[in-house]
C-alpha atoms as a PDB file:
ATOM      1  CA  MET A   1       0.000   0.000   0.000  1.00  0.00           C
ATOM      2  CA  GLY A   2       1.383   3.424  -0.941  1.00  0.00           C
ATOM      3  CA  TYR A   3       1.378   6.778   0.780  1.00  0.00           C
ATOM      4  CA  ILE A   4      -0.393  10.002  -0.080  1.00  0.00           C
ATOM      5  CA  THR A   5       1.949  12.037  -2.254  1.00  0.00           C
ATOM      6  CA  GLY A   6       1.884  15.417  -3.913  1.00  0.00           C
ATOM      7  CA  LEU A   7       3.948  17.439  -6.337  1.00  0.00           C
ATOM      8  CA  THR A   8       6.292  20.311  -5.659  1.00  0.00           C
ATOM      9  CA  ARG A   9       6.190  23.402  -7.834  1.00  0.00           C
ATOM     10  CA  GLY A  10       9.007  21.858  -9.865  1.00  0.00           C
ATOM     11  CA  LYS A  11       6.832  18.761 -10.497  1.00  0.00           C
ATOM     12  CA  GLN A  12       8.847  16.501  -8.188  1.00  0.00           C
ATOM     13  CA  GLU A  13       6.995  13.940  -6.120  1.00  0.00           C
ATOM     14  CA  TRP A  14       6.756  14.736  -2.399  1.00  0.00           C
ATOM     15  CA  THR A  15       5.395  12.615   0.462  1.00  0.00           C
ATOM     16  CA  PRO A  16       4.148  14.777   3.336  1.00  0.00           C
ATOM     17  CA  ARG A  17       4.803  13.462   6.831  1.00  0.00           C
ATOM     18  CA  PHE A  18       2.141  14.462   9.334  1.00  0.00           C
ATOM     19  CA  VAL A  19       2.696  15.131  13.030  1.00  0.00           C
ATOM     20  CA  ARG A  20       2.092  11.961  15.053  1.00  0.00           C
ATOM     21  CA  SER A  21       3.191  12.854  18.578  1.00  0.00           C
ATOM     22  CA  VAL A  22       5.115  15.211  20.832  1.00  0.00           C
ATOM     23  CA  ASP A  23       7.516  13.712  23.389  1.00  0.00           C
ATOM     24  CA  ASP A  24       6.784  15.397  26.748  1.00  0.00           C
ATOM     25  CA  GLY A  25      10.175  14.251  28.010  1.00  0.00           C
ATOM     26  CA  LYS A  26      11.957  16.308  25.353  1.00  0.00           C
ATOM     27  CA  CYS A  27       9.580  19.294  25.033  1.00  0.00           C
ATOM     28  CA  ILE A  28      10.687  22.319  27.076  1.00  0.00           C
ATOM     29  CA  GLY A  29       7.603  24.426  26.358  1.00  0.00           C
ATOM     30  CA  CYS A  30       9.375  27.199  24.451  1.00  0.00           C
ATOM     31  CA  GLY A  31       6.371  27.690  22.154  1.00  0.00           C
ATOM     32  CA  ARG A  32       8.277  28.144  18.882  1.00  0.00           C
ATOM     33  CA  CYS A  33       6.438  25.272  17.230  1.00  0.00           C
ATOM     34  CA  MET A  34       3.043  26.702  18.164  1.00  0.00           C
ATOM     35  CA  LYS A  35       3.989  30.076  16.698  1.00  0.00           C
ATOM     36  CA  ILE A  36       5.218  28.637  13.402  1.00  0.00           C
ATOM     37  CA  CYS A  37       2.205  26.387  12.754  1.00  0.00           C
ATOM     38  CA  ALA A  38      -0.199  28.391  10.590  1.00  0.00           C
ATOM     39  CA  HIS A  39      -2.930  25.750  10.756  1.00  0.00           C
ATOM     40  CA  GLY A  40      -3.691  25.605  14.484  1.00  0.00           C
ATOM     41  CA  VAL A  41      -2.518  22.029  14.883  1.00  0.00           C
ATOM     42  CA  LEU A  42      -0.628  22.638  18.139  1.00  0.00           C
ATOM     43  CA  ALA A  43      -1.744  24.087  21.465  1.00  0.00           C
ATOM     44  CA  PRO A  44      -0.190  24.587  24.903  1.00  0.00           C
ATOM     45  CA  LYS A  45      -0.778  21.943  27.543  1.00  0.00           C
ATOM     46  CA  GLU A  46      -0.263  22.789  31.207  1.00  0.00           C
ATOM     47  CA  VAL A  47       1.090  20.119  33.524  1.00  0.00           C
ATOM     48  CA  ASP A  48       1.045  20.781  37.254  1.00  0.00           C
ATOM     49  CA  GLU A  49       3.946  18.994  38.918  1.00  0.00           C
ATOM     50  CA  GLU A  50       4.658  19.551  42.606  1.00  0.00           C
ATOM     51  CA  GLU A  51       3.227  23.075  42.730  1.00  0.00           C
ATOM     52  CA  SER A  52       5.139  24.344  39.695  1.00  0.00           C
ATOM     53  CA  ALA A  53       3.108  24.619  36.515  1.00  0.00           C
ATOM     54  CA  LYS A  54       4.959  23.624  33.356  1.00  0.00           C
ATOM     55  CA  MET A  55       3.825  24.297  29.822  1.00  0.00           C
ATOM     56  CA  PHE A  56       4.222  21.774  27.016  1.00  0.00           C
ATOM     57  CA  CYS A  57       3.096  21.494  23.428  1.00  0.00           C
ATOM     58  CA  SER A  58       0.232  19.181  22.526  1.00  0.00           C
ATOM     59  CA  ILE A  59      -1.513  18.190  19.316  1.00  0.00           C
ATOM     60  CA  ALA A  60      -4.915  19.867  19.460  1.00  0.00           C
ATOM     61  CA  ASN A  61      -6.143  19.575  15.854  1.00  0.00           C
ATOM     62  CA  ALA A  62      -4.272  16.767  14.111  1.00  0.00           C
ATOM     63  CA  ASP A  63      -6.710  16.822  11.178  1.00  0.00           C
ATOM     64  CA  ASN A  64      -5.502  20.341  10.268  1.00  0.00           C
ATOM     65  CA  CYS A  65      -1.897  19.183   9.716  1.00  0.00           C
ATOM     66  CA  ILE A  66      -0.694  19.599   6.116  1.00  0.00           C
ATOM     67  CA  GLY A  67       2.555  17.634   6.584  1.00  0.00           C
ATOM     68  CA  CYS A  68       5.003  20.527   6.191  1.00  0.00           C
ATOM     69  CA  GLU A  69       7.032  19.517   9.306  1.00  0.00           C
ATOM     70  CA  ALA A  70       7.745  23.175  10.154  1.00  0.00           C
ATOM     71  CA  CYS A  71       7.099  22.452  13.829  1.00  0.00           C
ATOM     72  CA  GLY A  72       9.748  19.722  13.848  1.00  0.00           C
ATOM     73  CA  ARG A  73      12.310  21.884  12.076  1.00  0.00           C
ATOM     74  CA  THR A  74      11.942  24.665  14.668  1.00  0.00           C
ATOM     75  CA  CYS A  75      12.167  22.295  17.646  1.00  0.00           C
ATOM     76  CA  ASN A  76      15.717  22.306  19.049  1.00  0.00           C
ATOM     77  CA  LYS A  77      14.933  19.294  21.234  1.00  0.00           C
ATOM     78  CA  LYS A  78      13.578  17.100  18.398  1.00  0.00           C
ATOM     79  CA  ALA A  79      10.404  16.369  20.375  1.00  0.00           C
ATOM     80  CA  PHE A  80       8.200  15.683  17.341  1.00  0.00           C
ATOM     81  CA  SER A  81       7.622  12.458  15.471  1.00  0.00           C
ATOM     82  CA  PHE A  82       6.026  12.320  12.032  1.00  0.00           C
ATOM     83  CA  GLU A  83       4.550   9.708   9.708  1.00  0.00           C
ATOM     84  CA  PRO A  84       3.137   9.652   6.174  1.00  0.00           C
ATOM     85  CA  LEU A  85      -0.508   8.726   5.567  1.00  0.00           C
ATOM     86  CA  HIS A  86      -1.460   5.559   3.726  1.00  0.00           C
ATOM     87  CA  ALA A  87      -3.384   6.183   0.530  1.00  0.00           C
END
């Protein structure tokens, strides 16, 4: 079974990889990924640990993801994992 593919402007085949998960152990809550995503896929998630609130990134609207991987490229901690969609 193949994956959903598209074409670049130069007519080259491209397989988008969509956001699958965010690793809370790696995410530091900087918010860069949420700022760069133009499709509202990501949202902040607050975790209350021992009276100190920490902010992390979460996937709020996975269906809005277009597979550009901009969030993963801006993440210094490599907290994102991606996967292509089966056709």
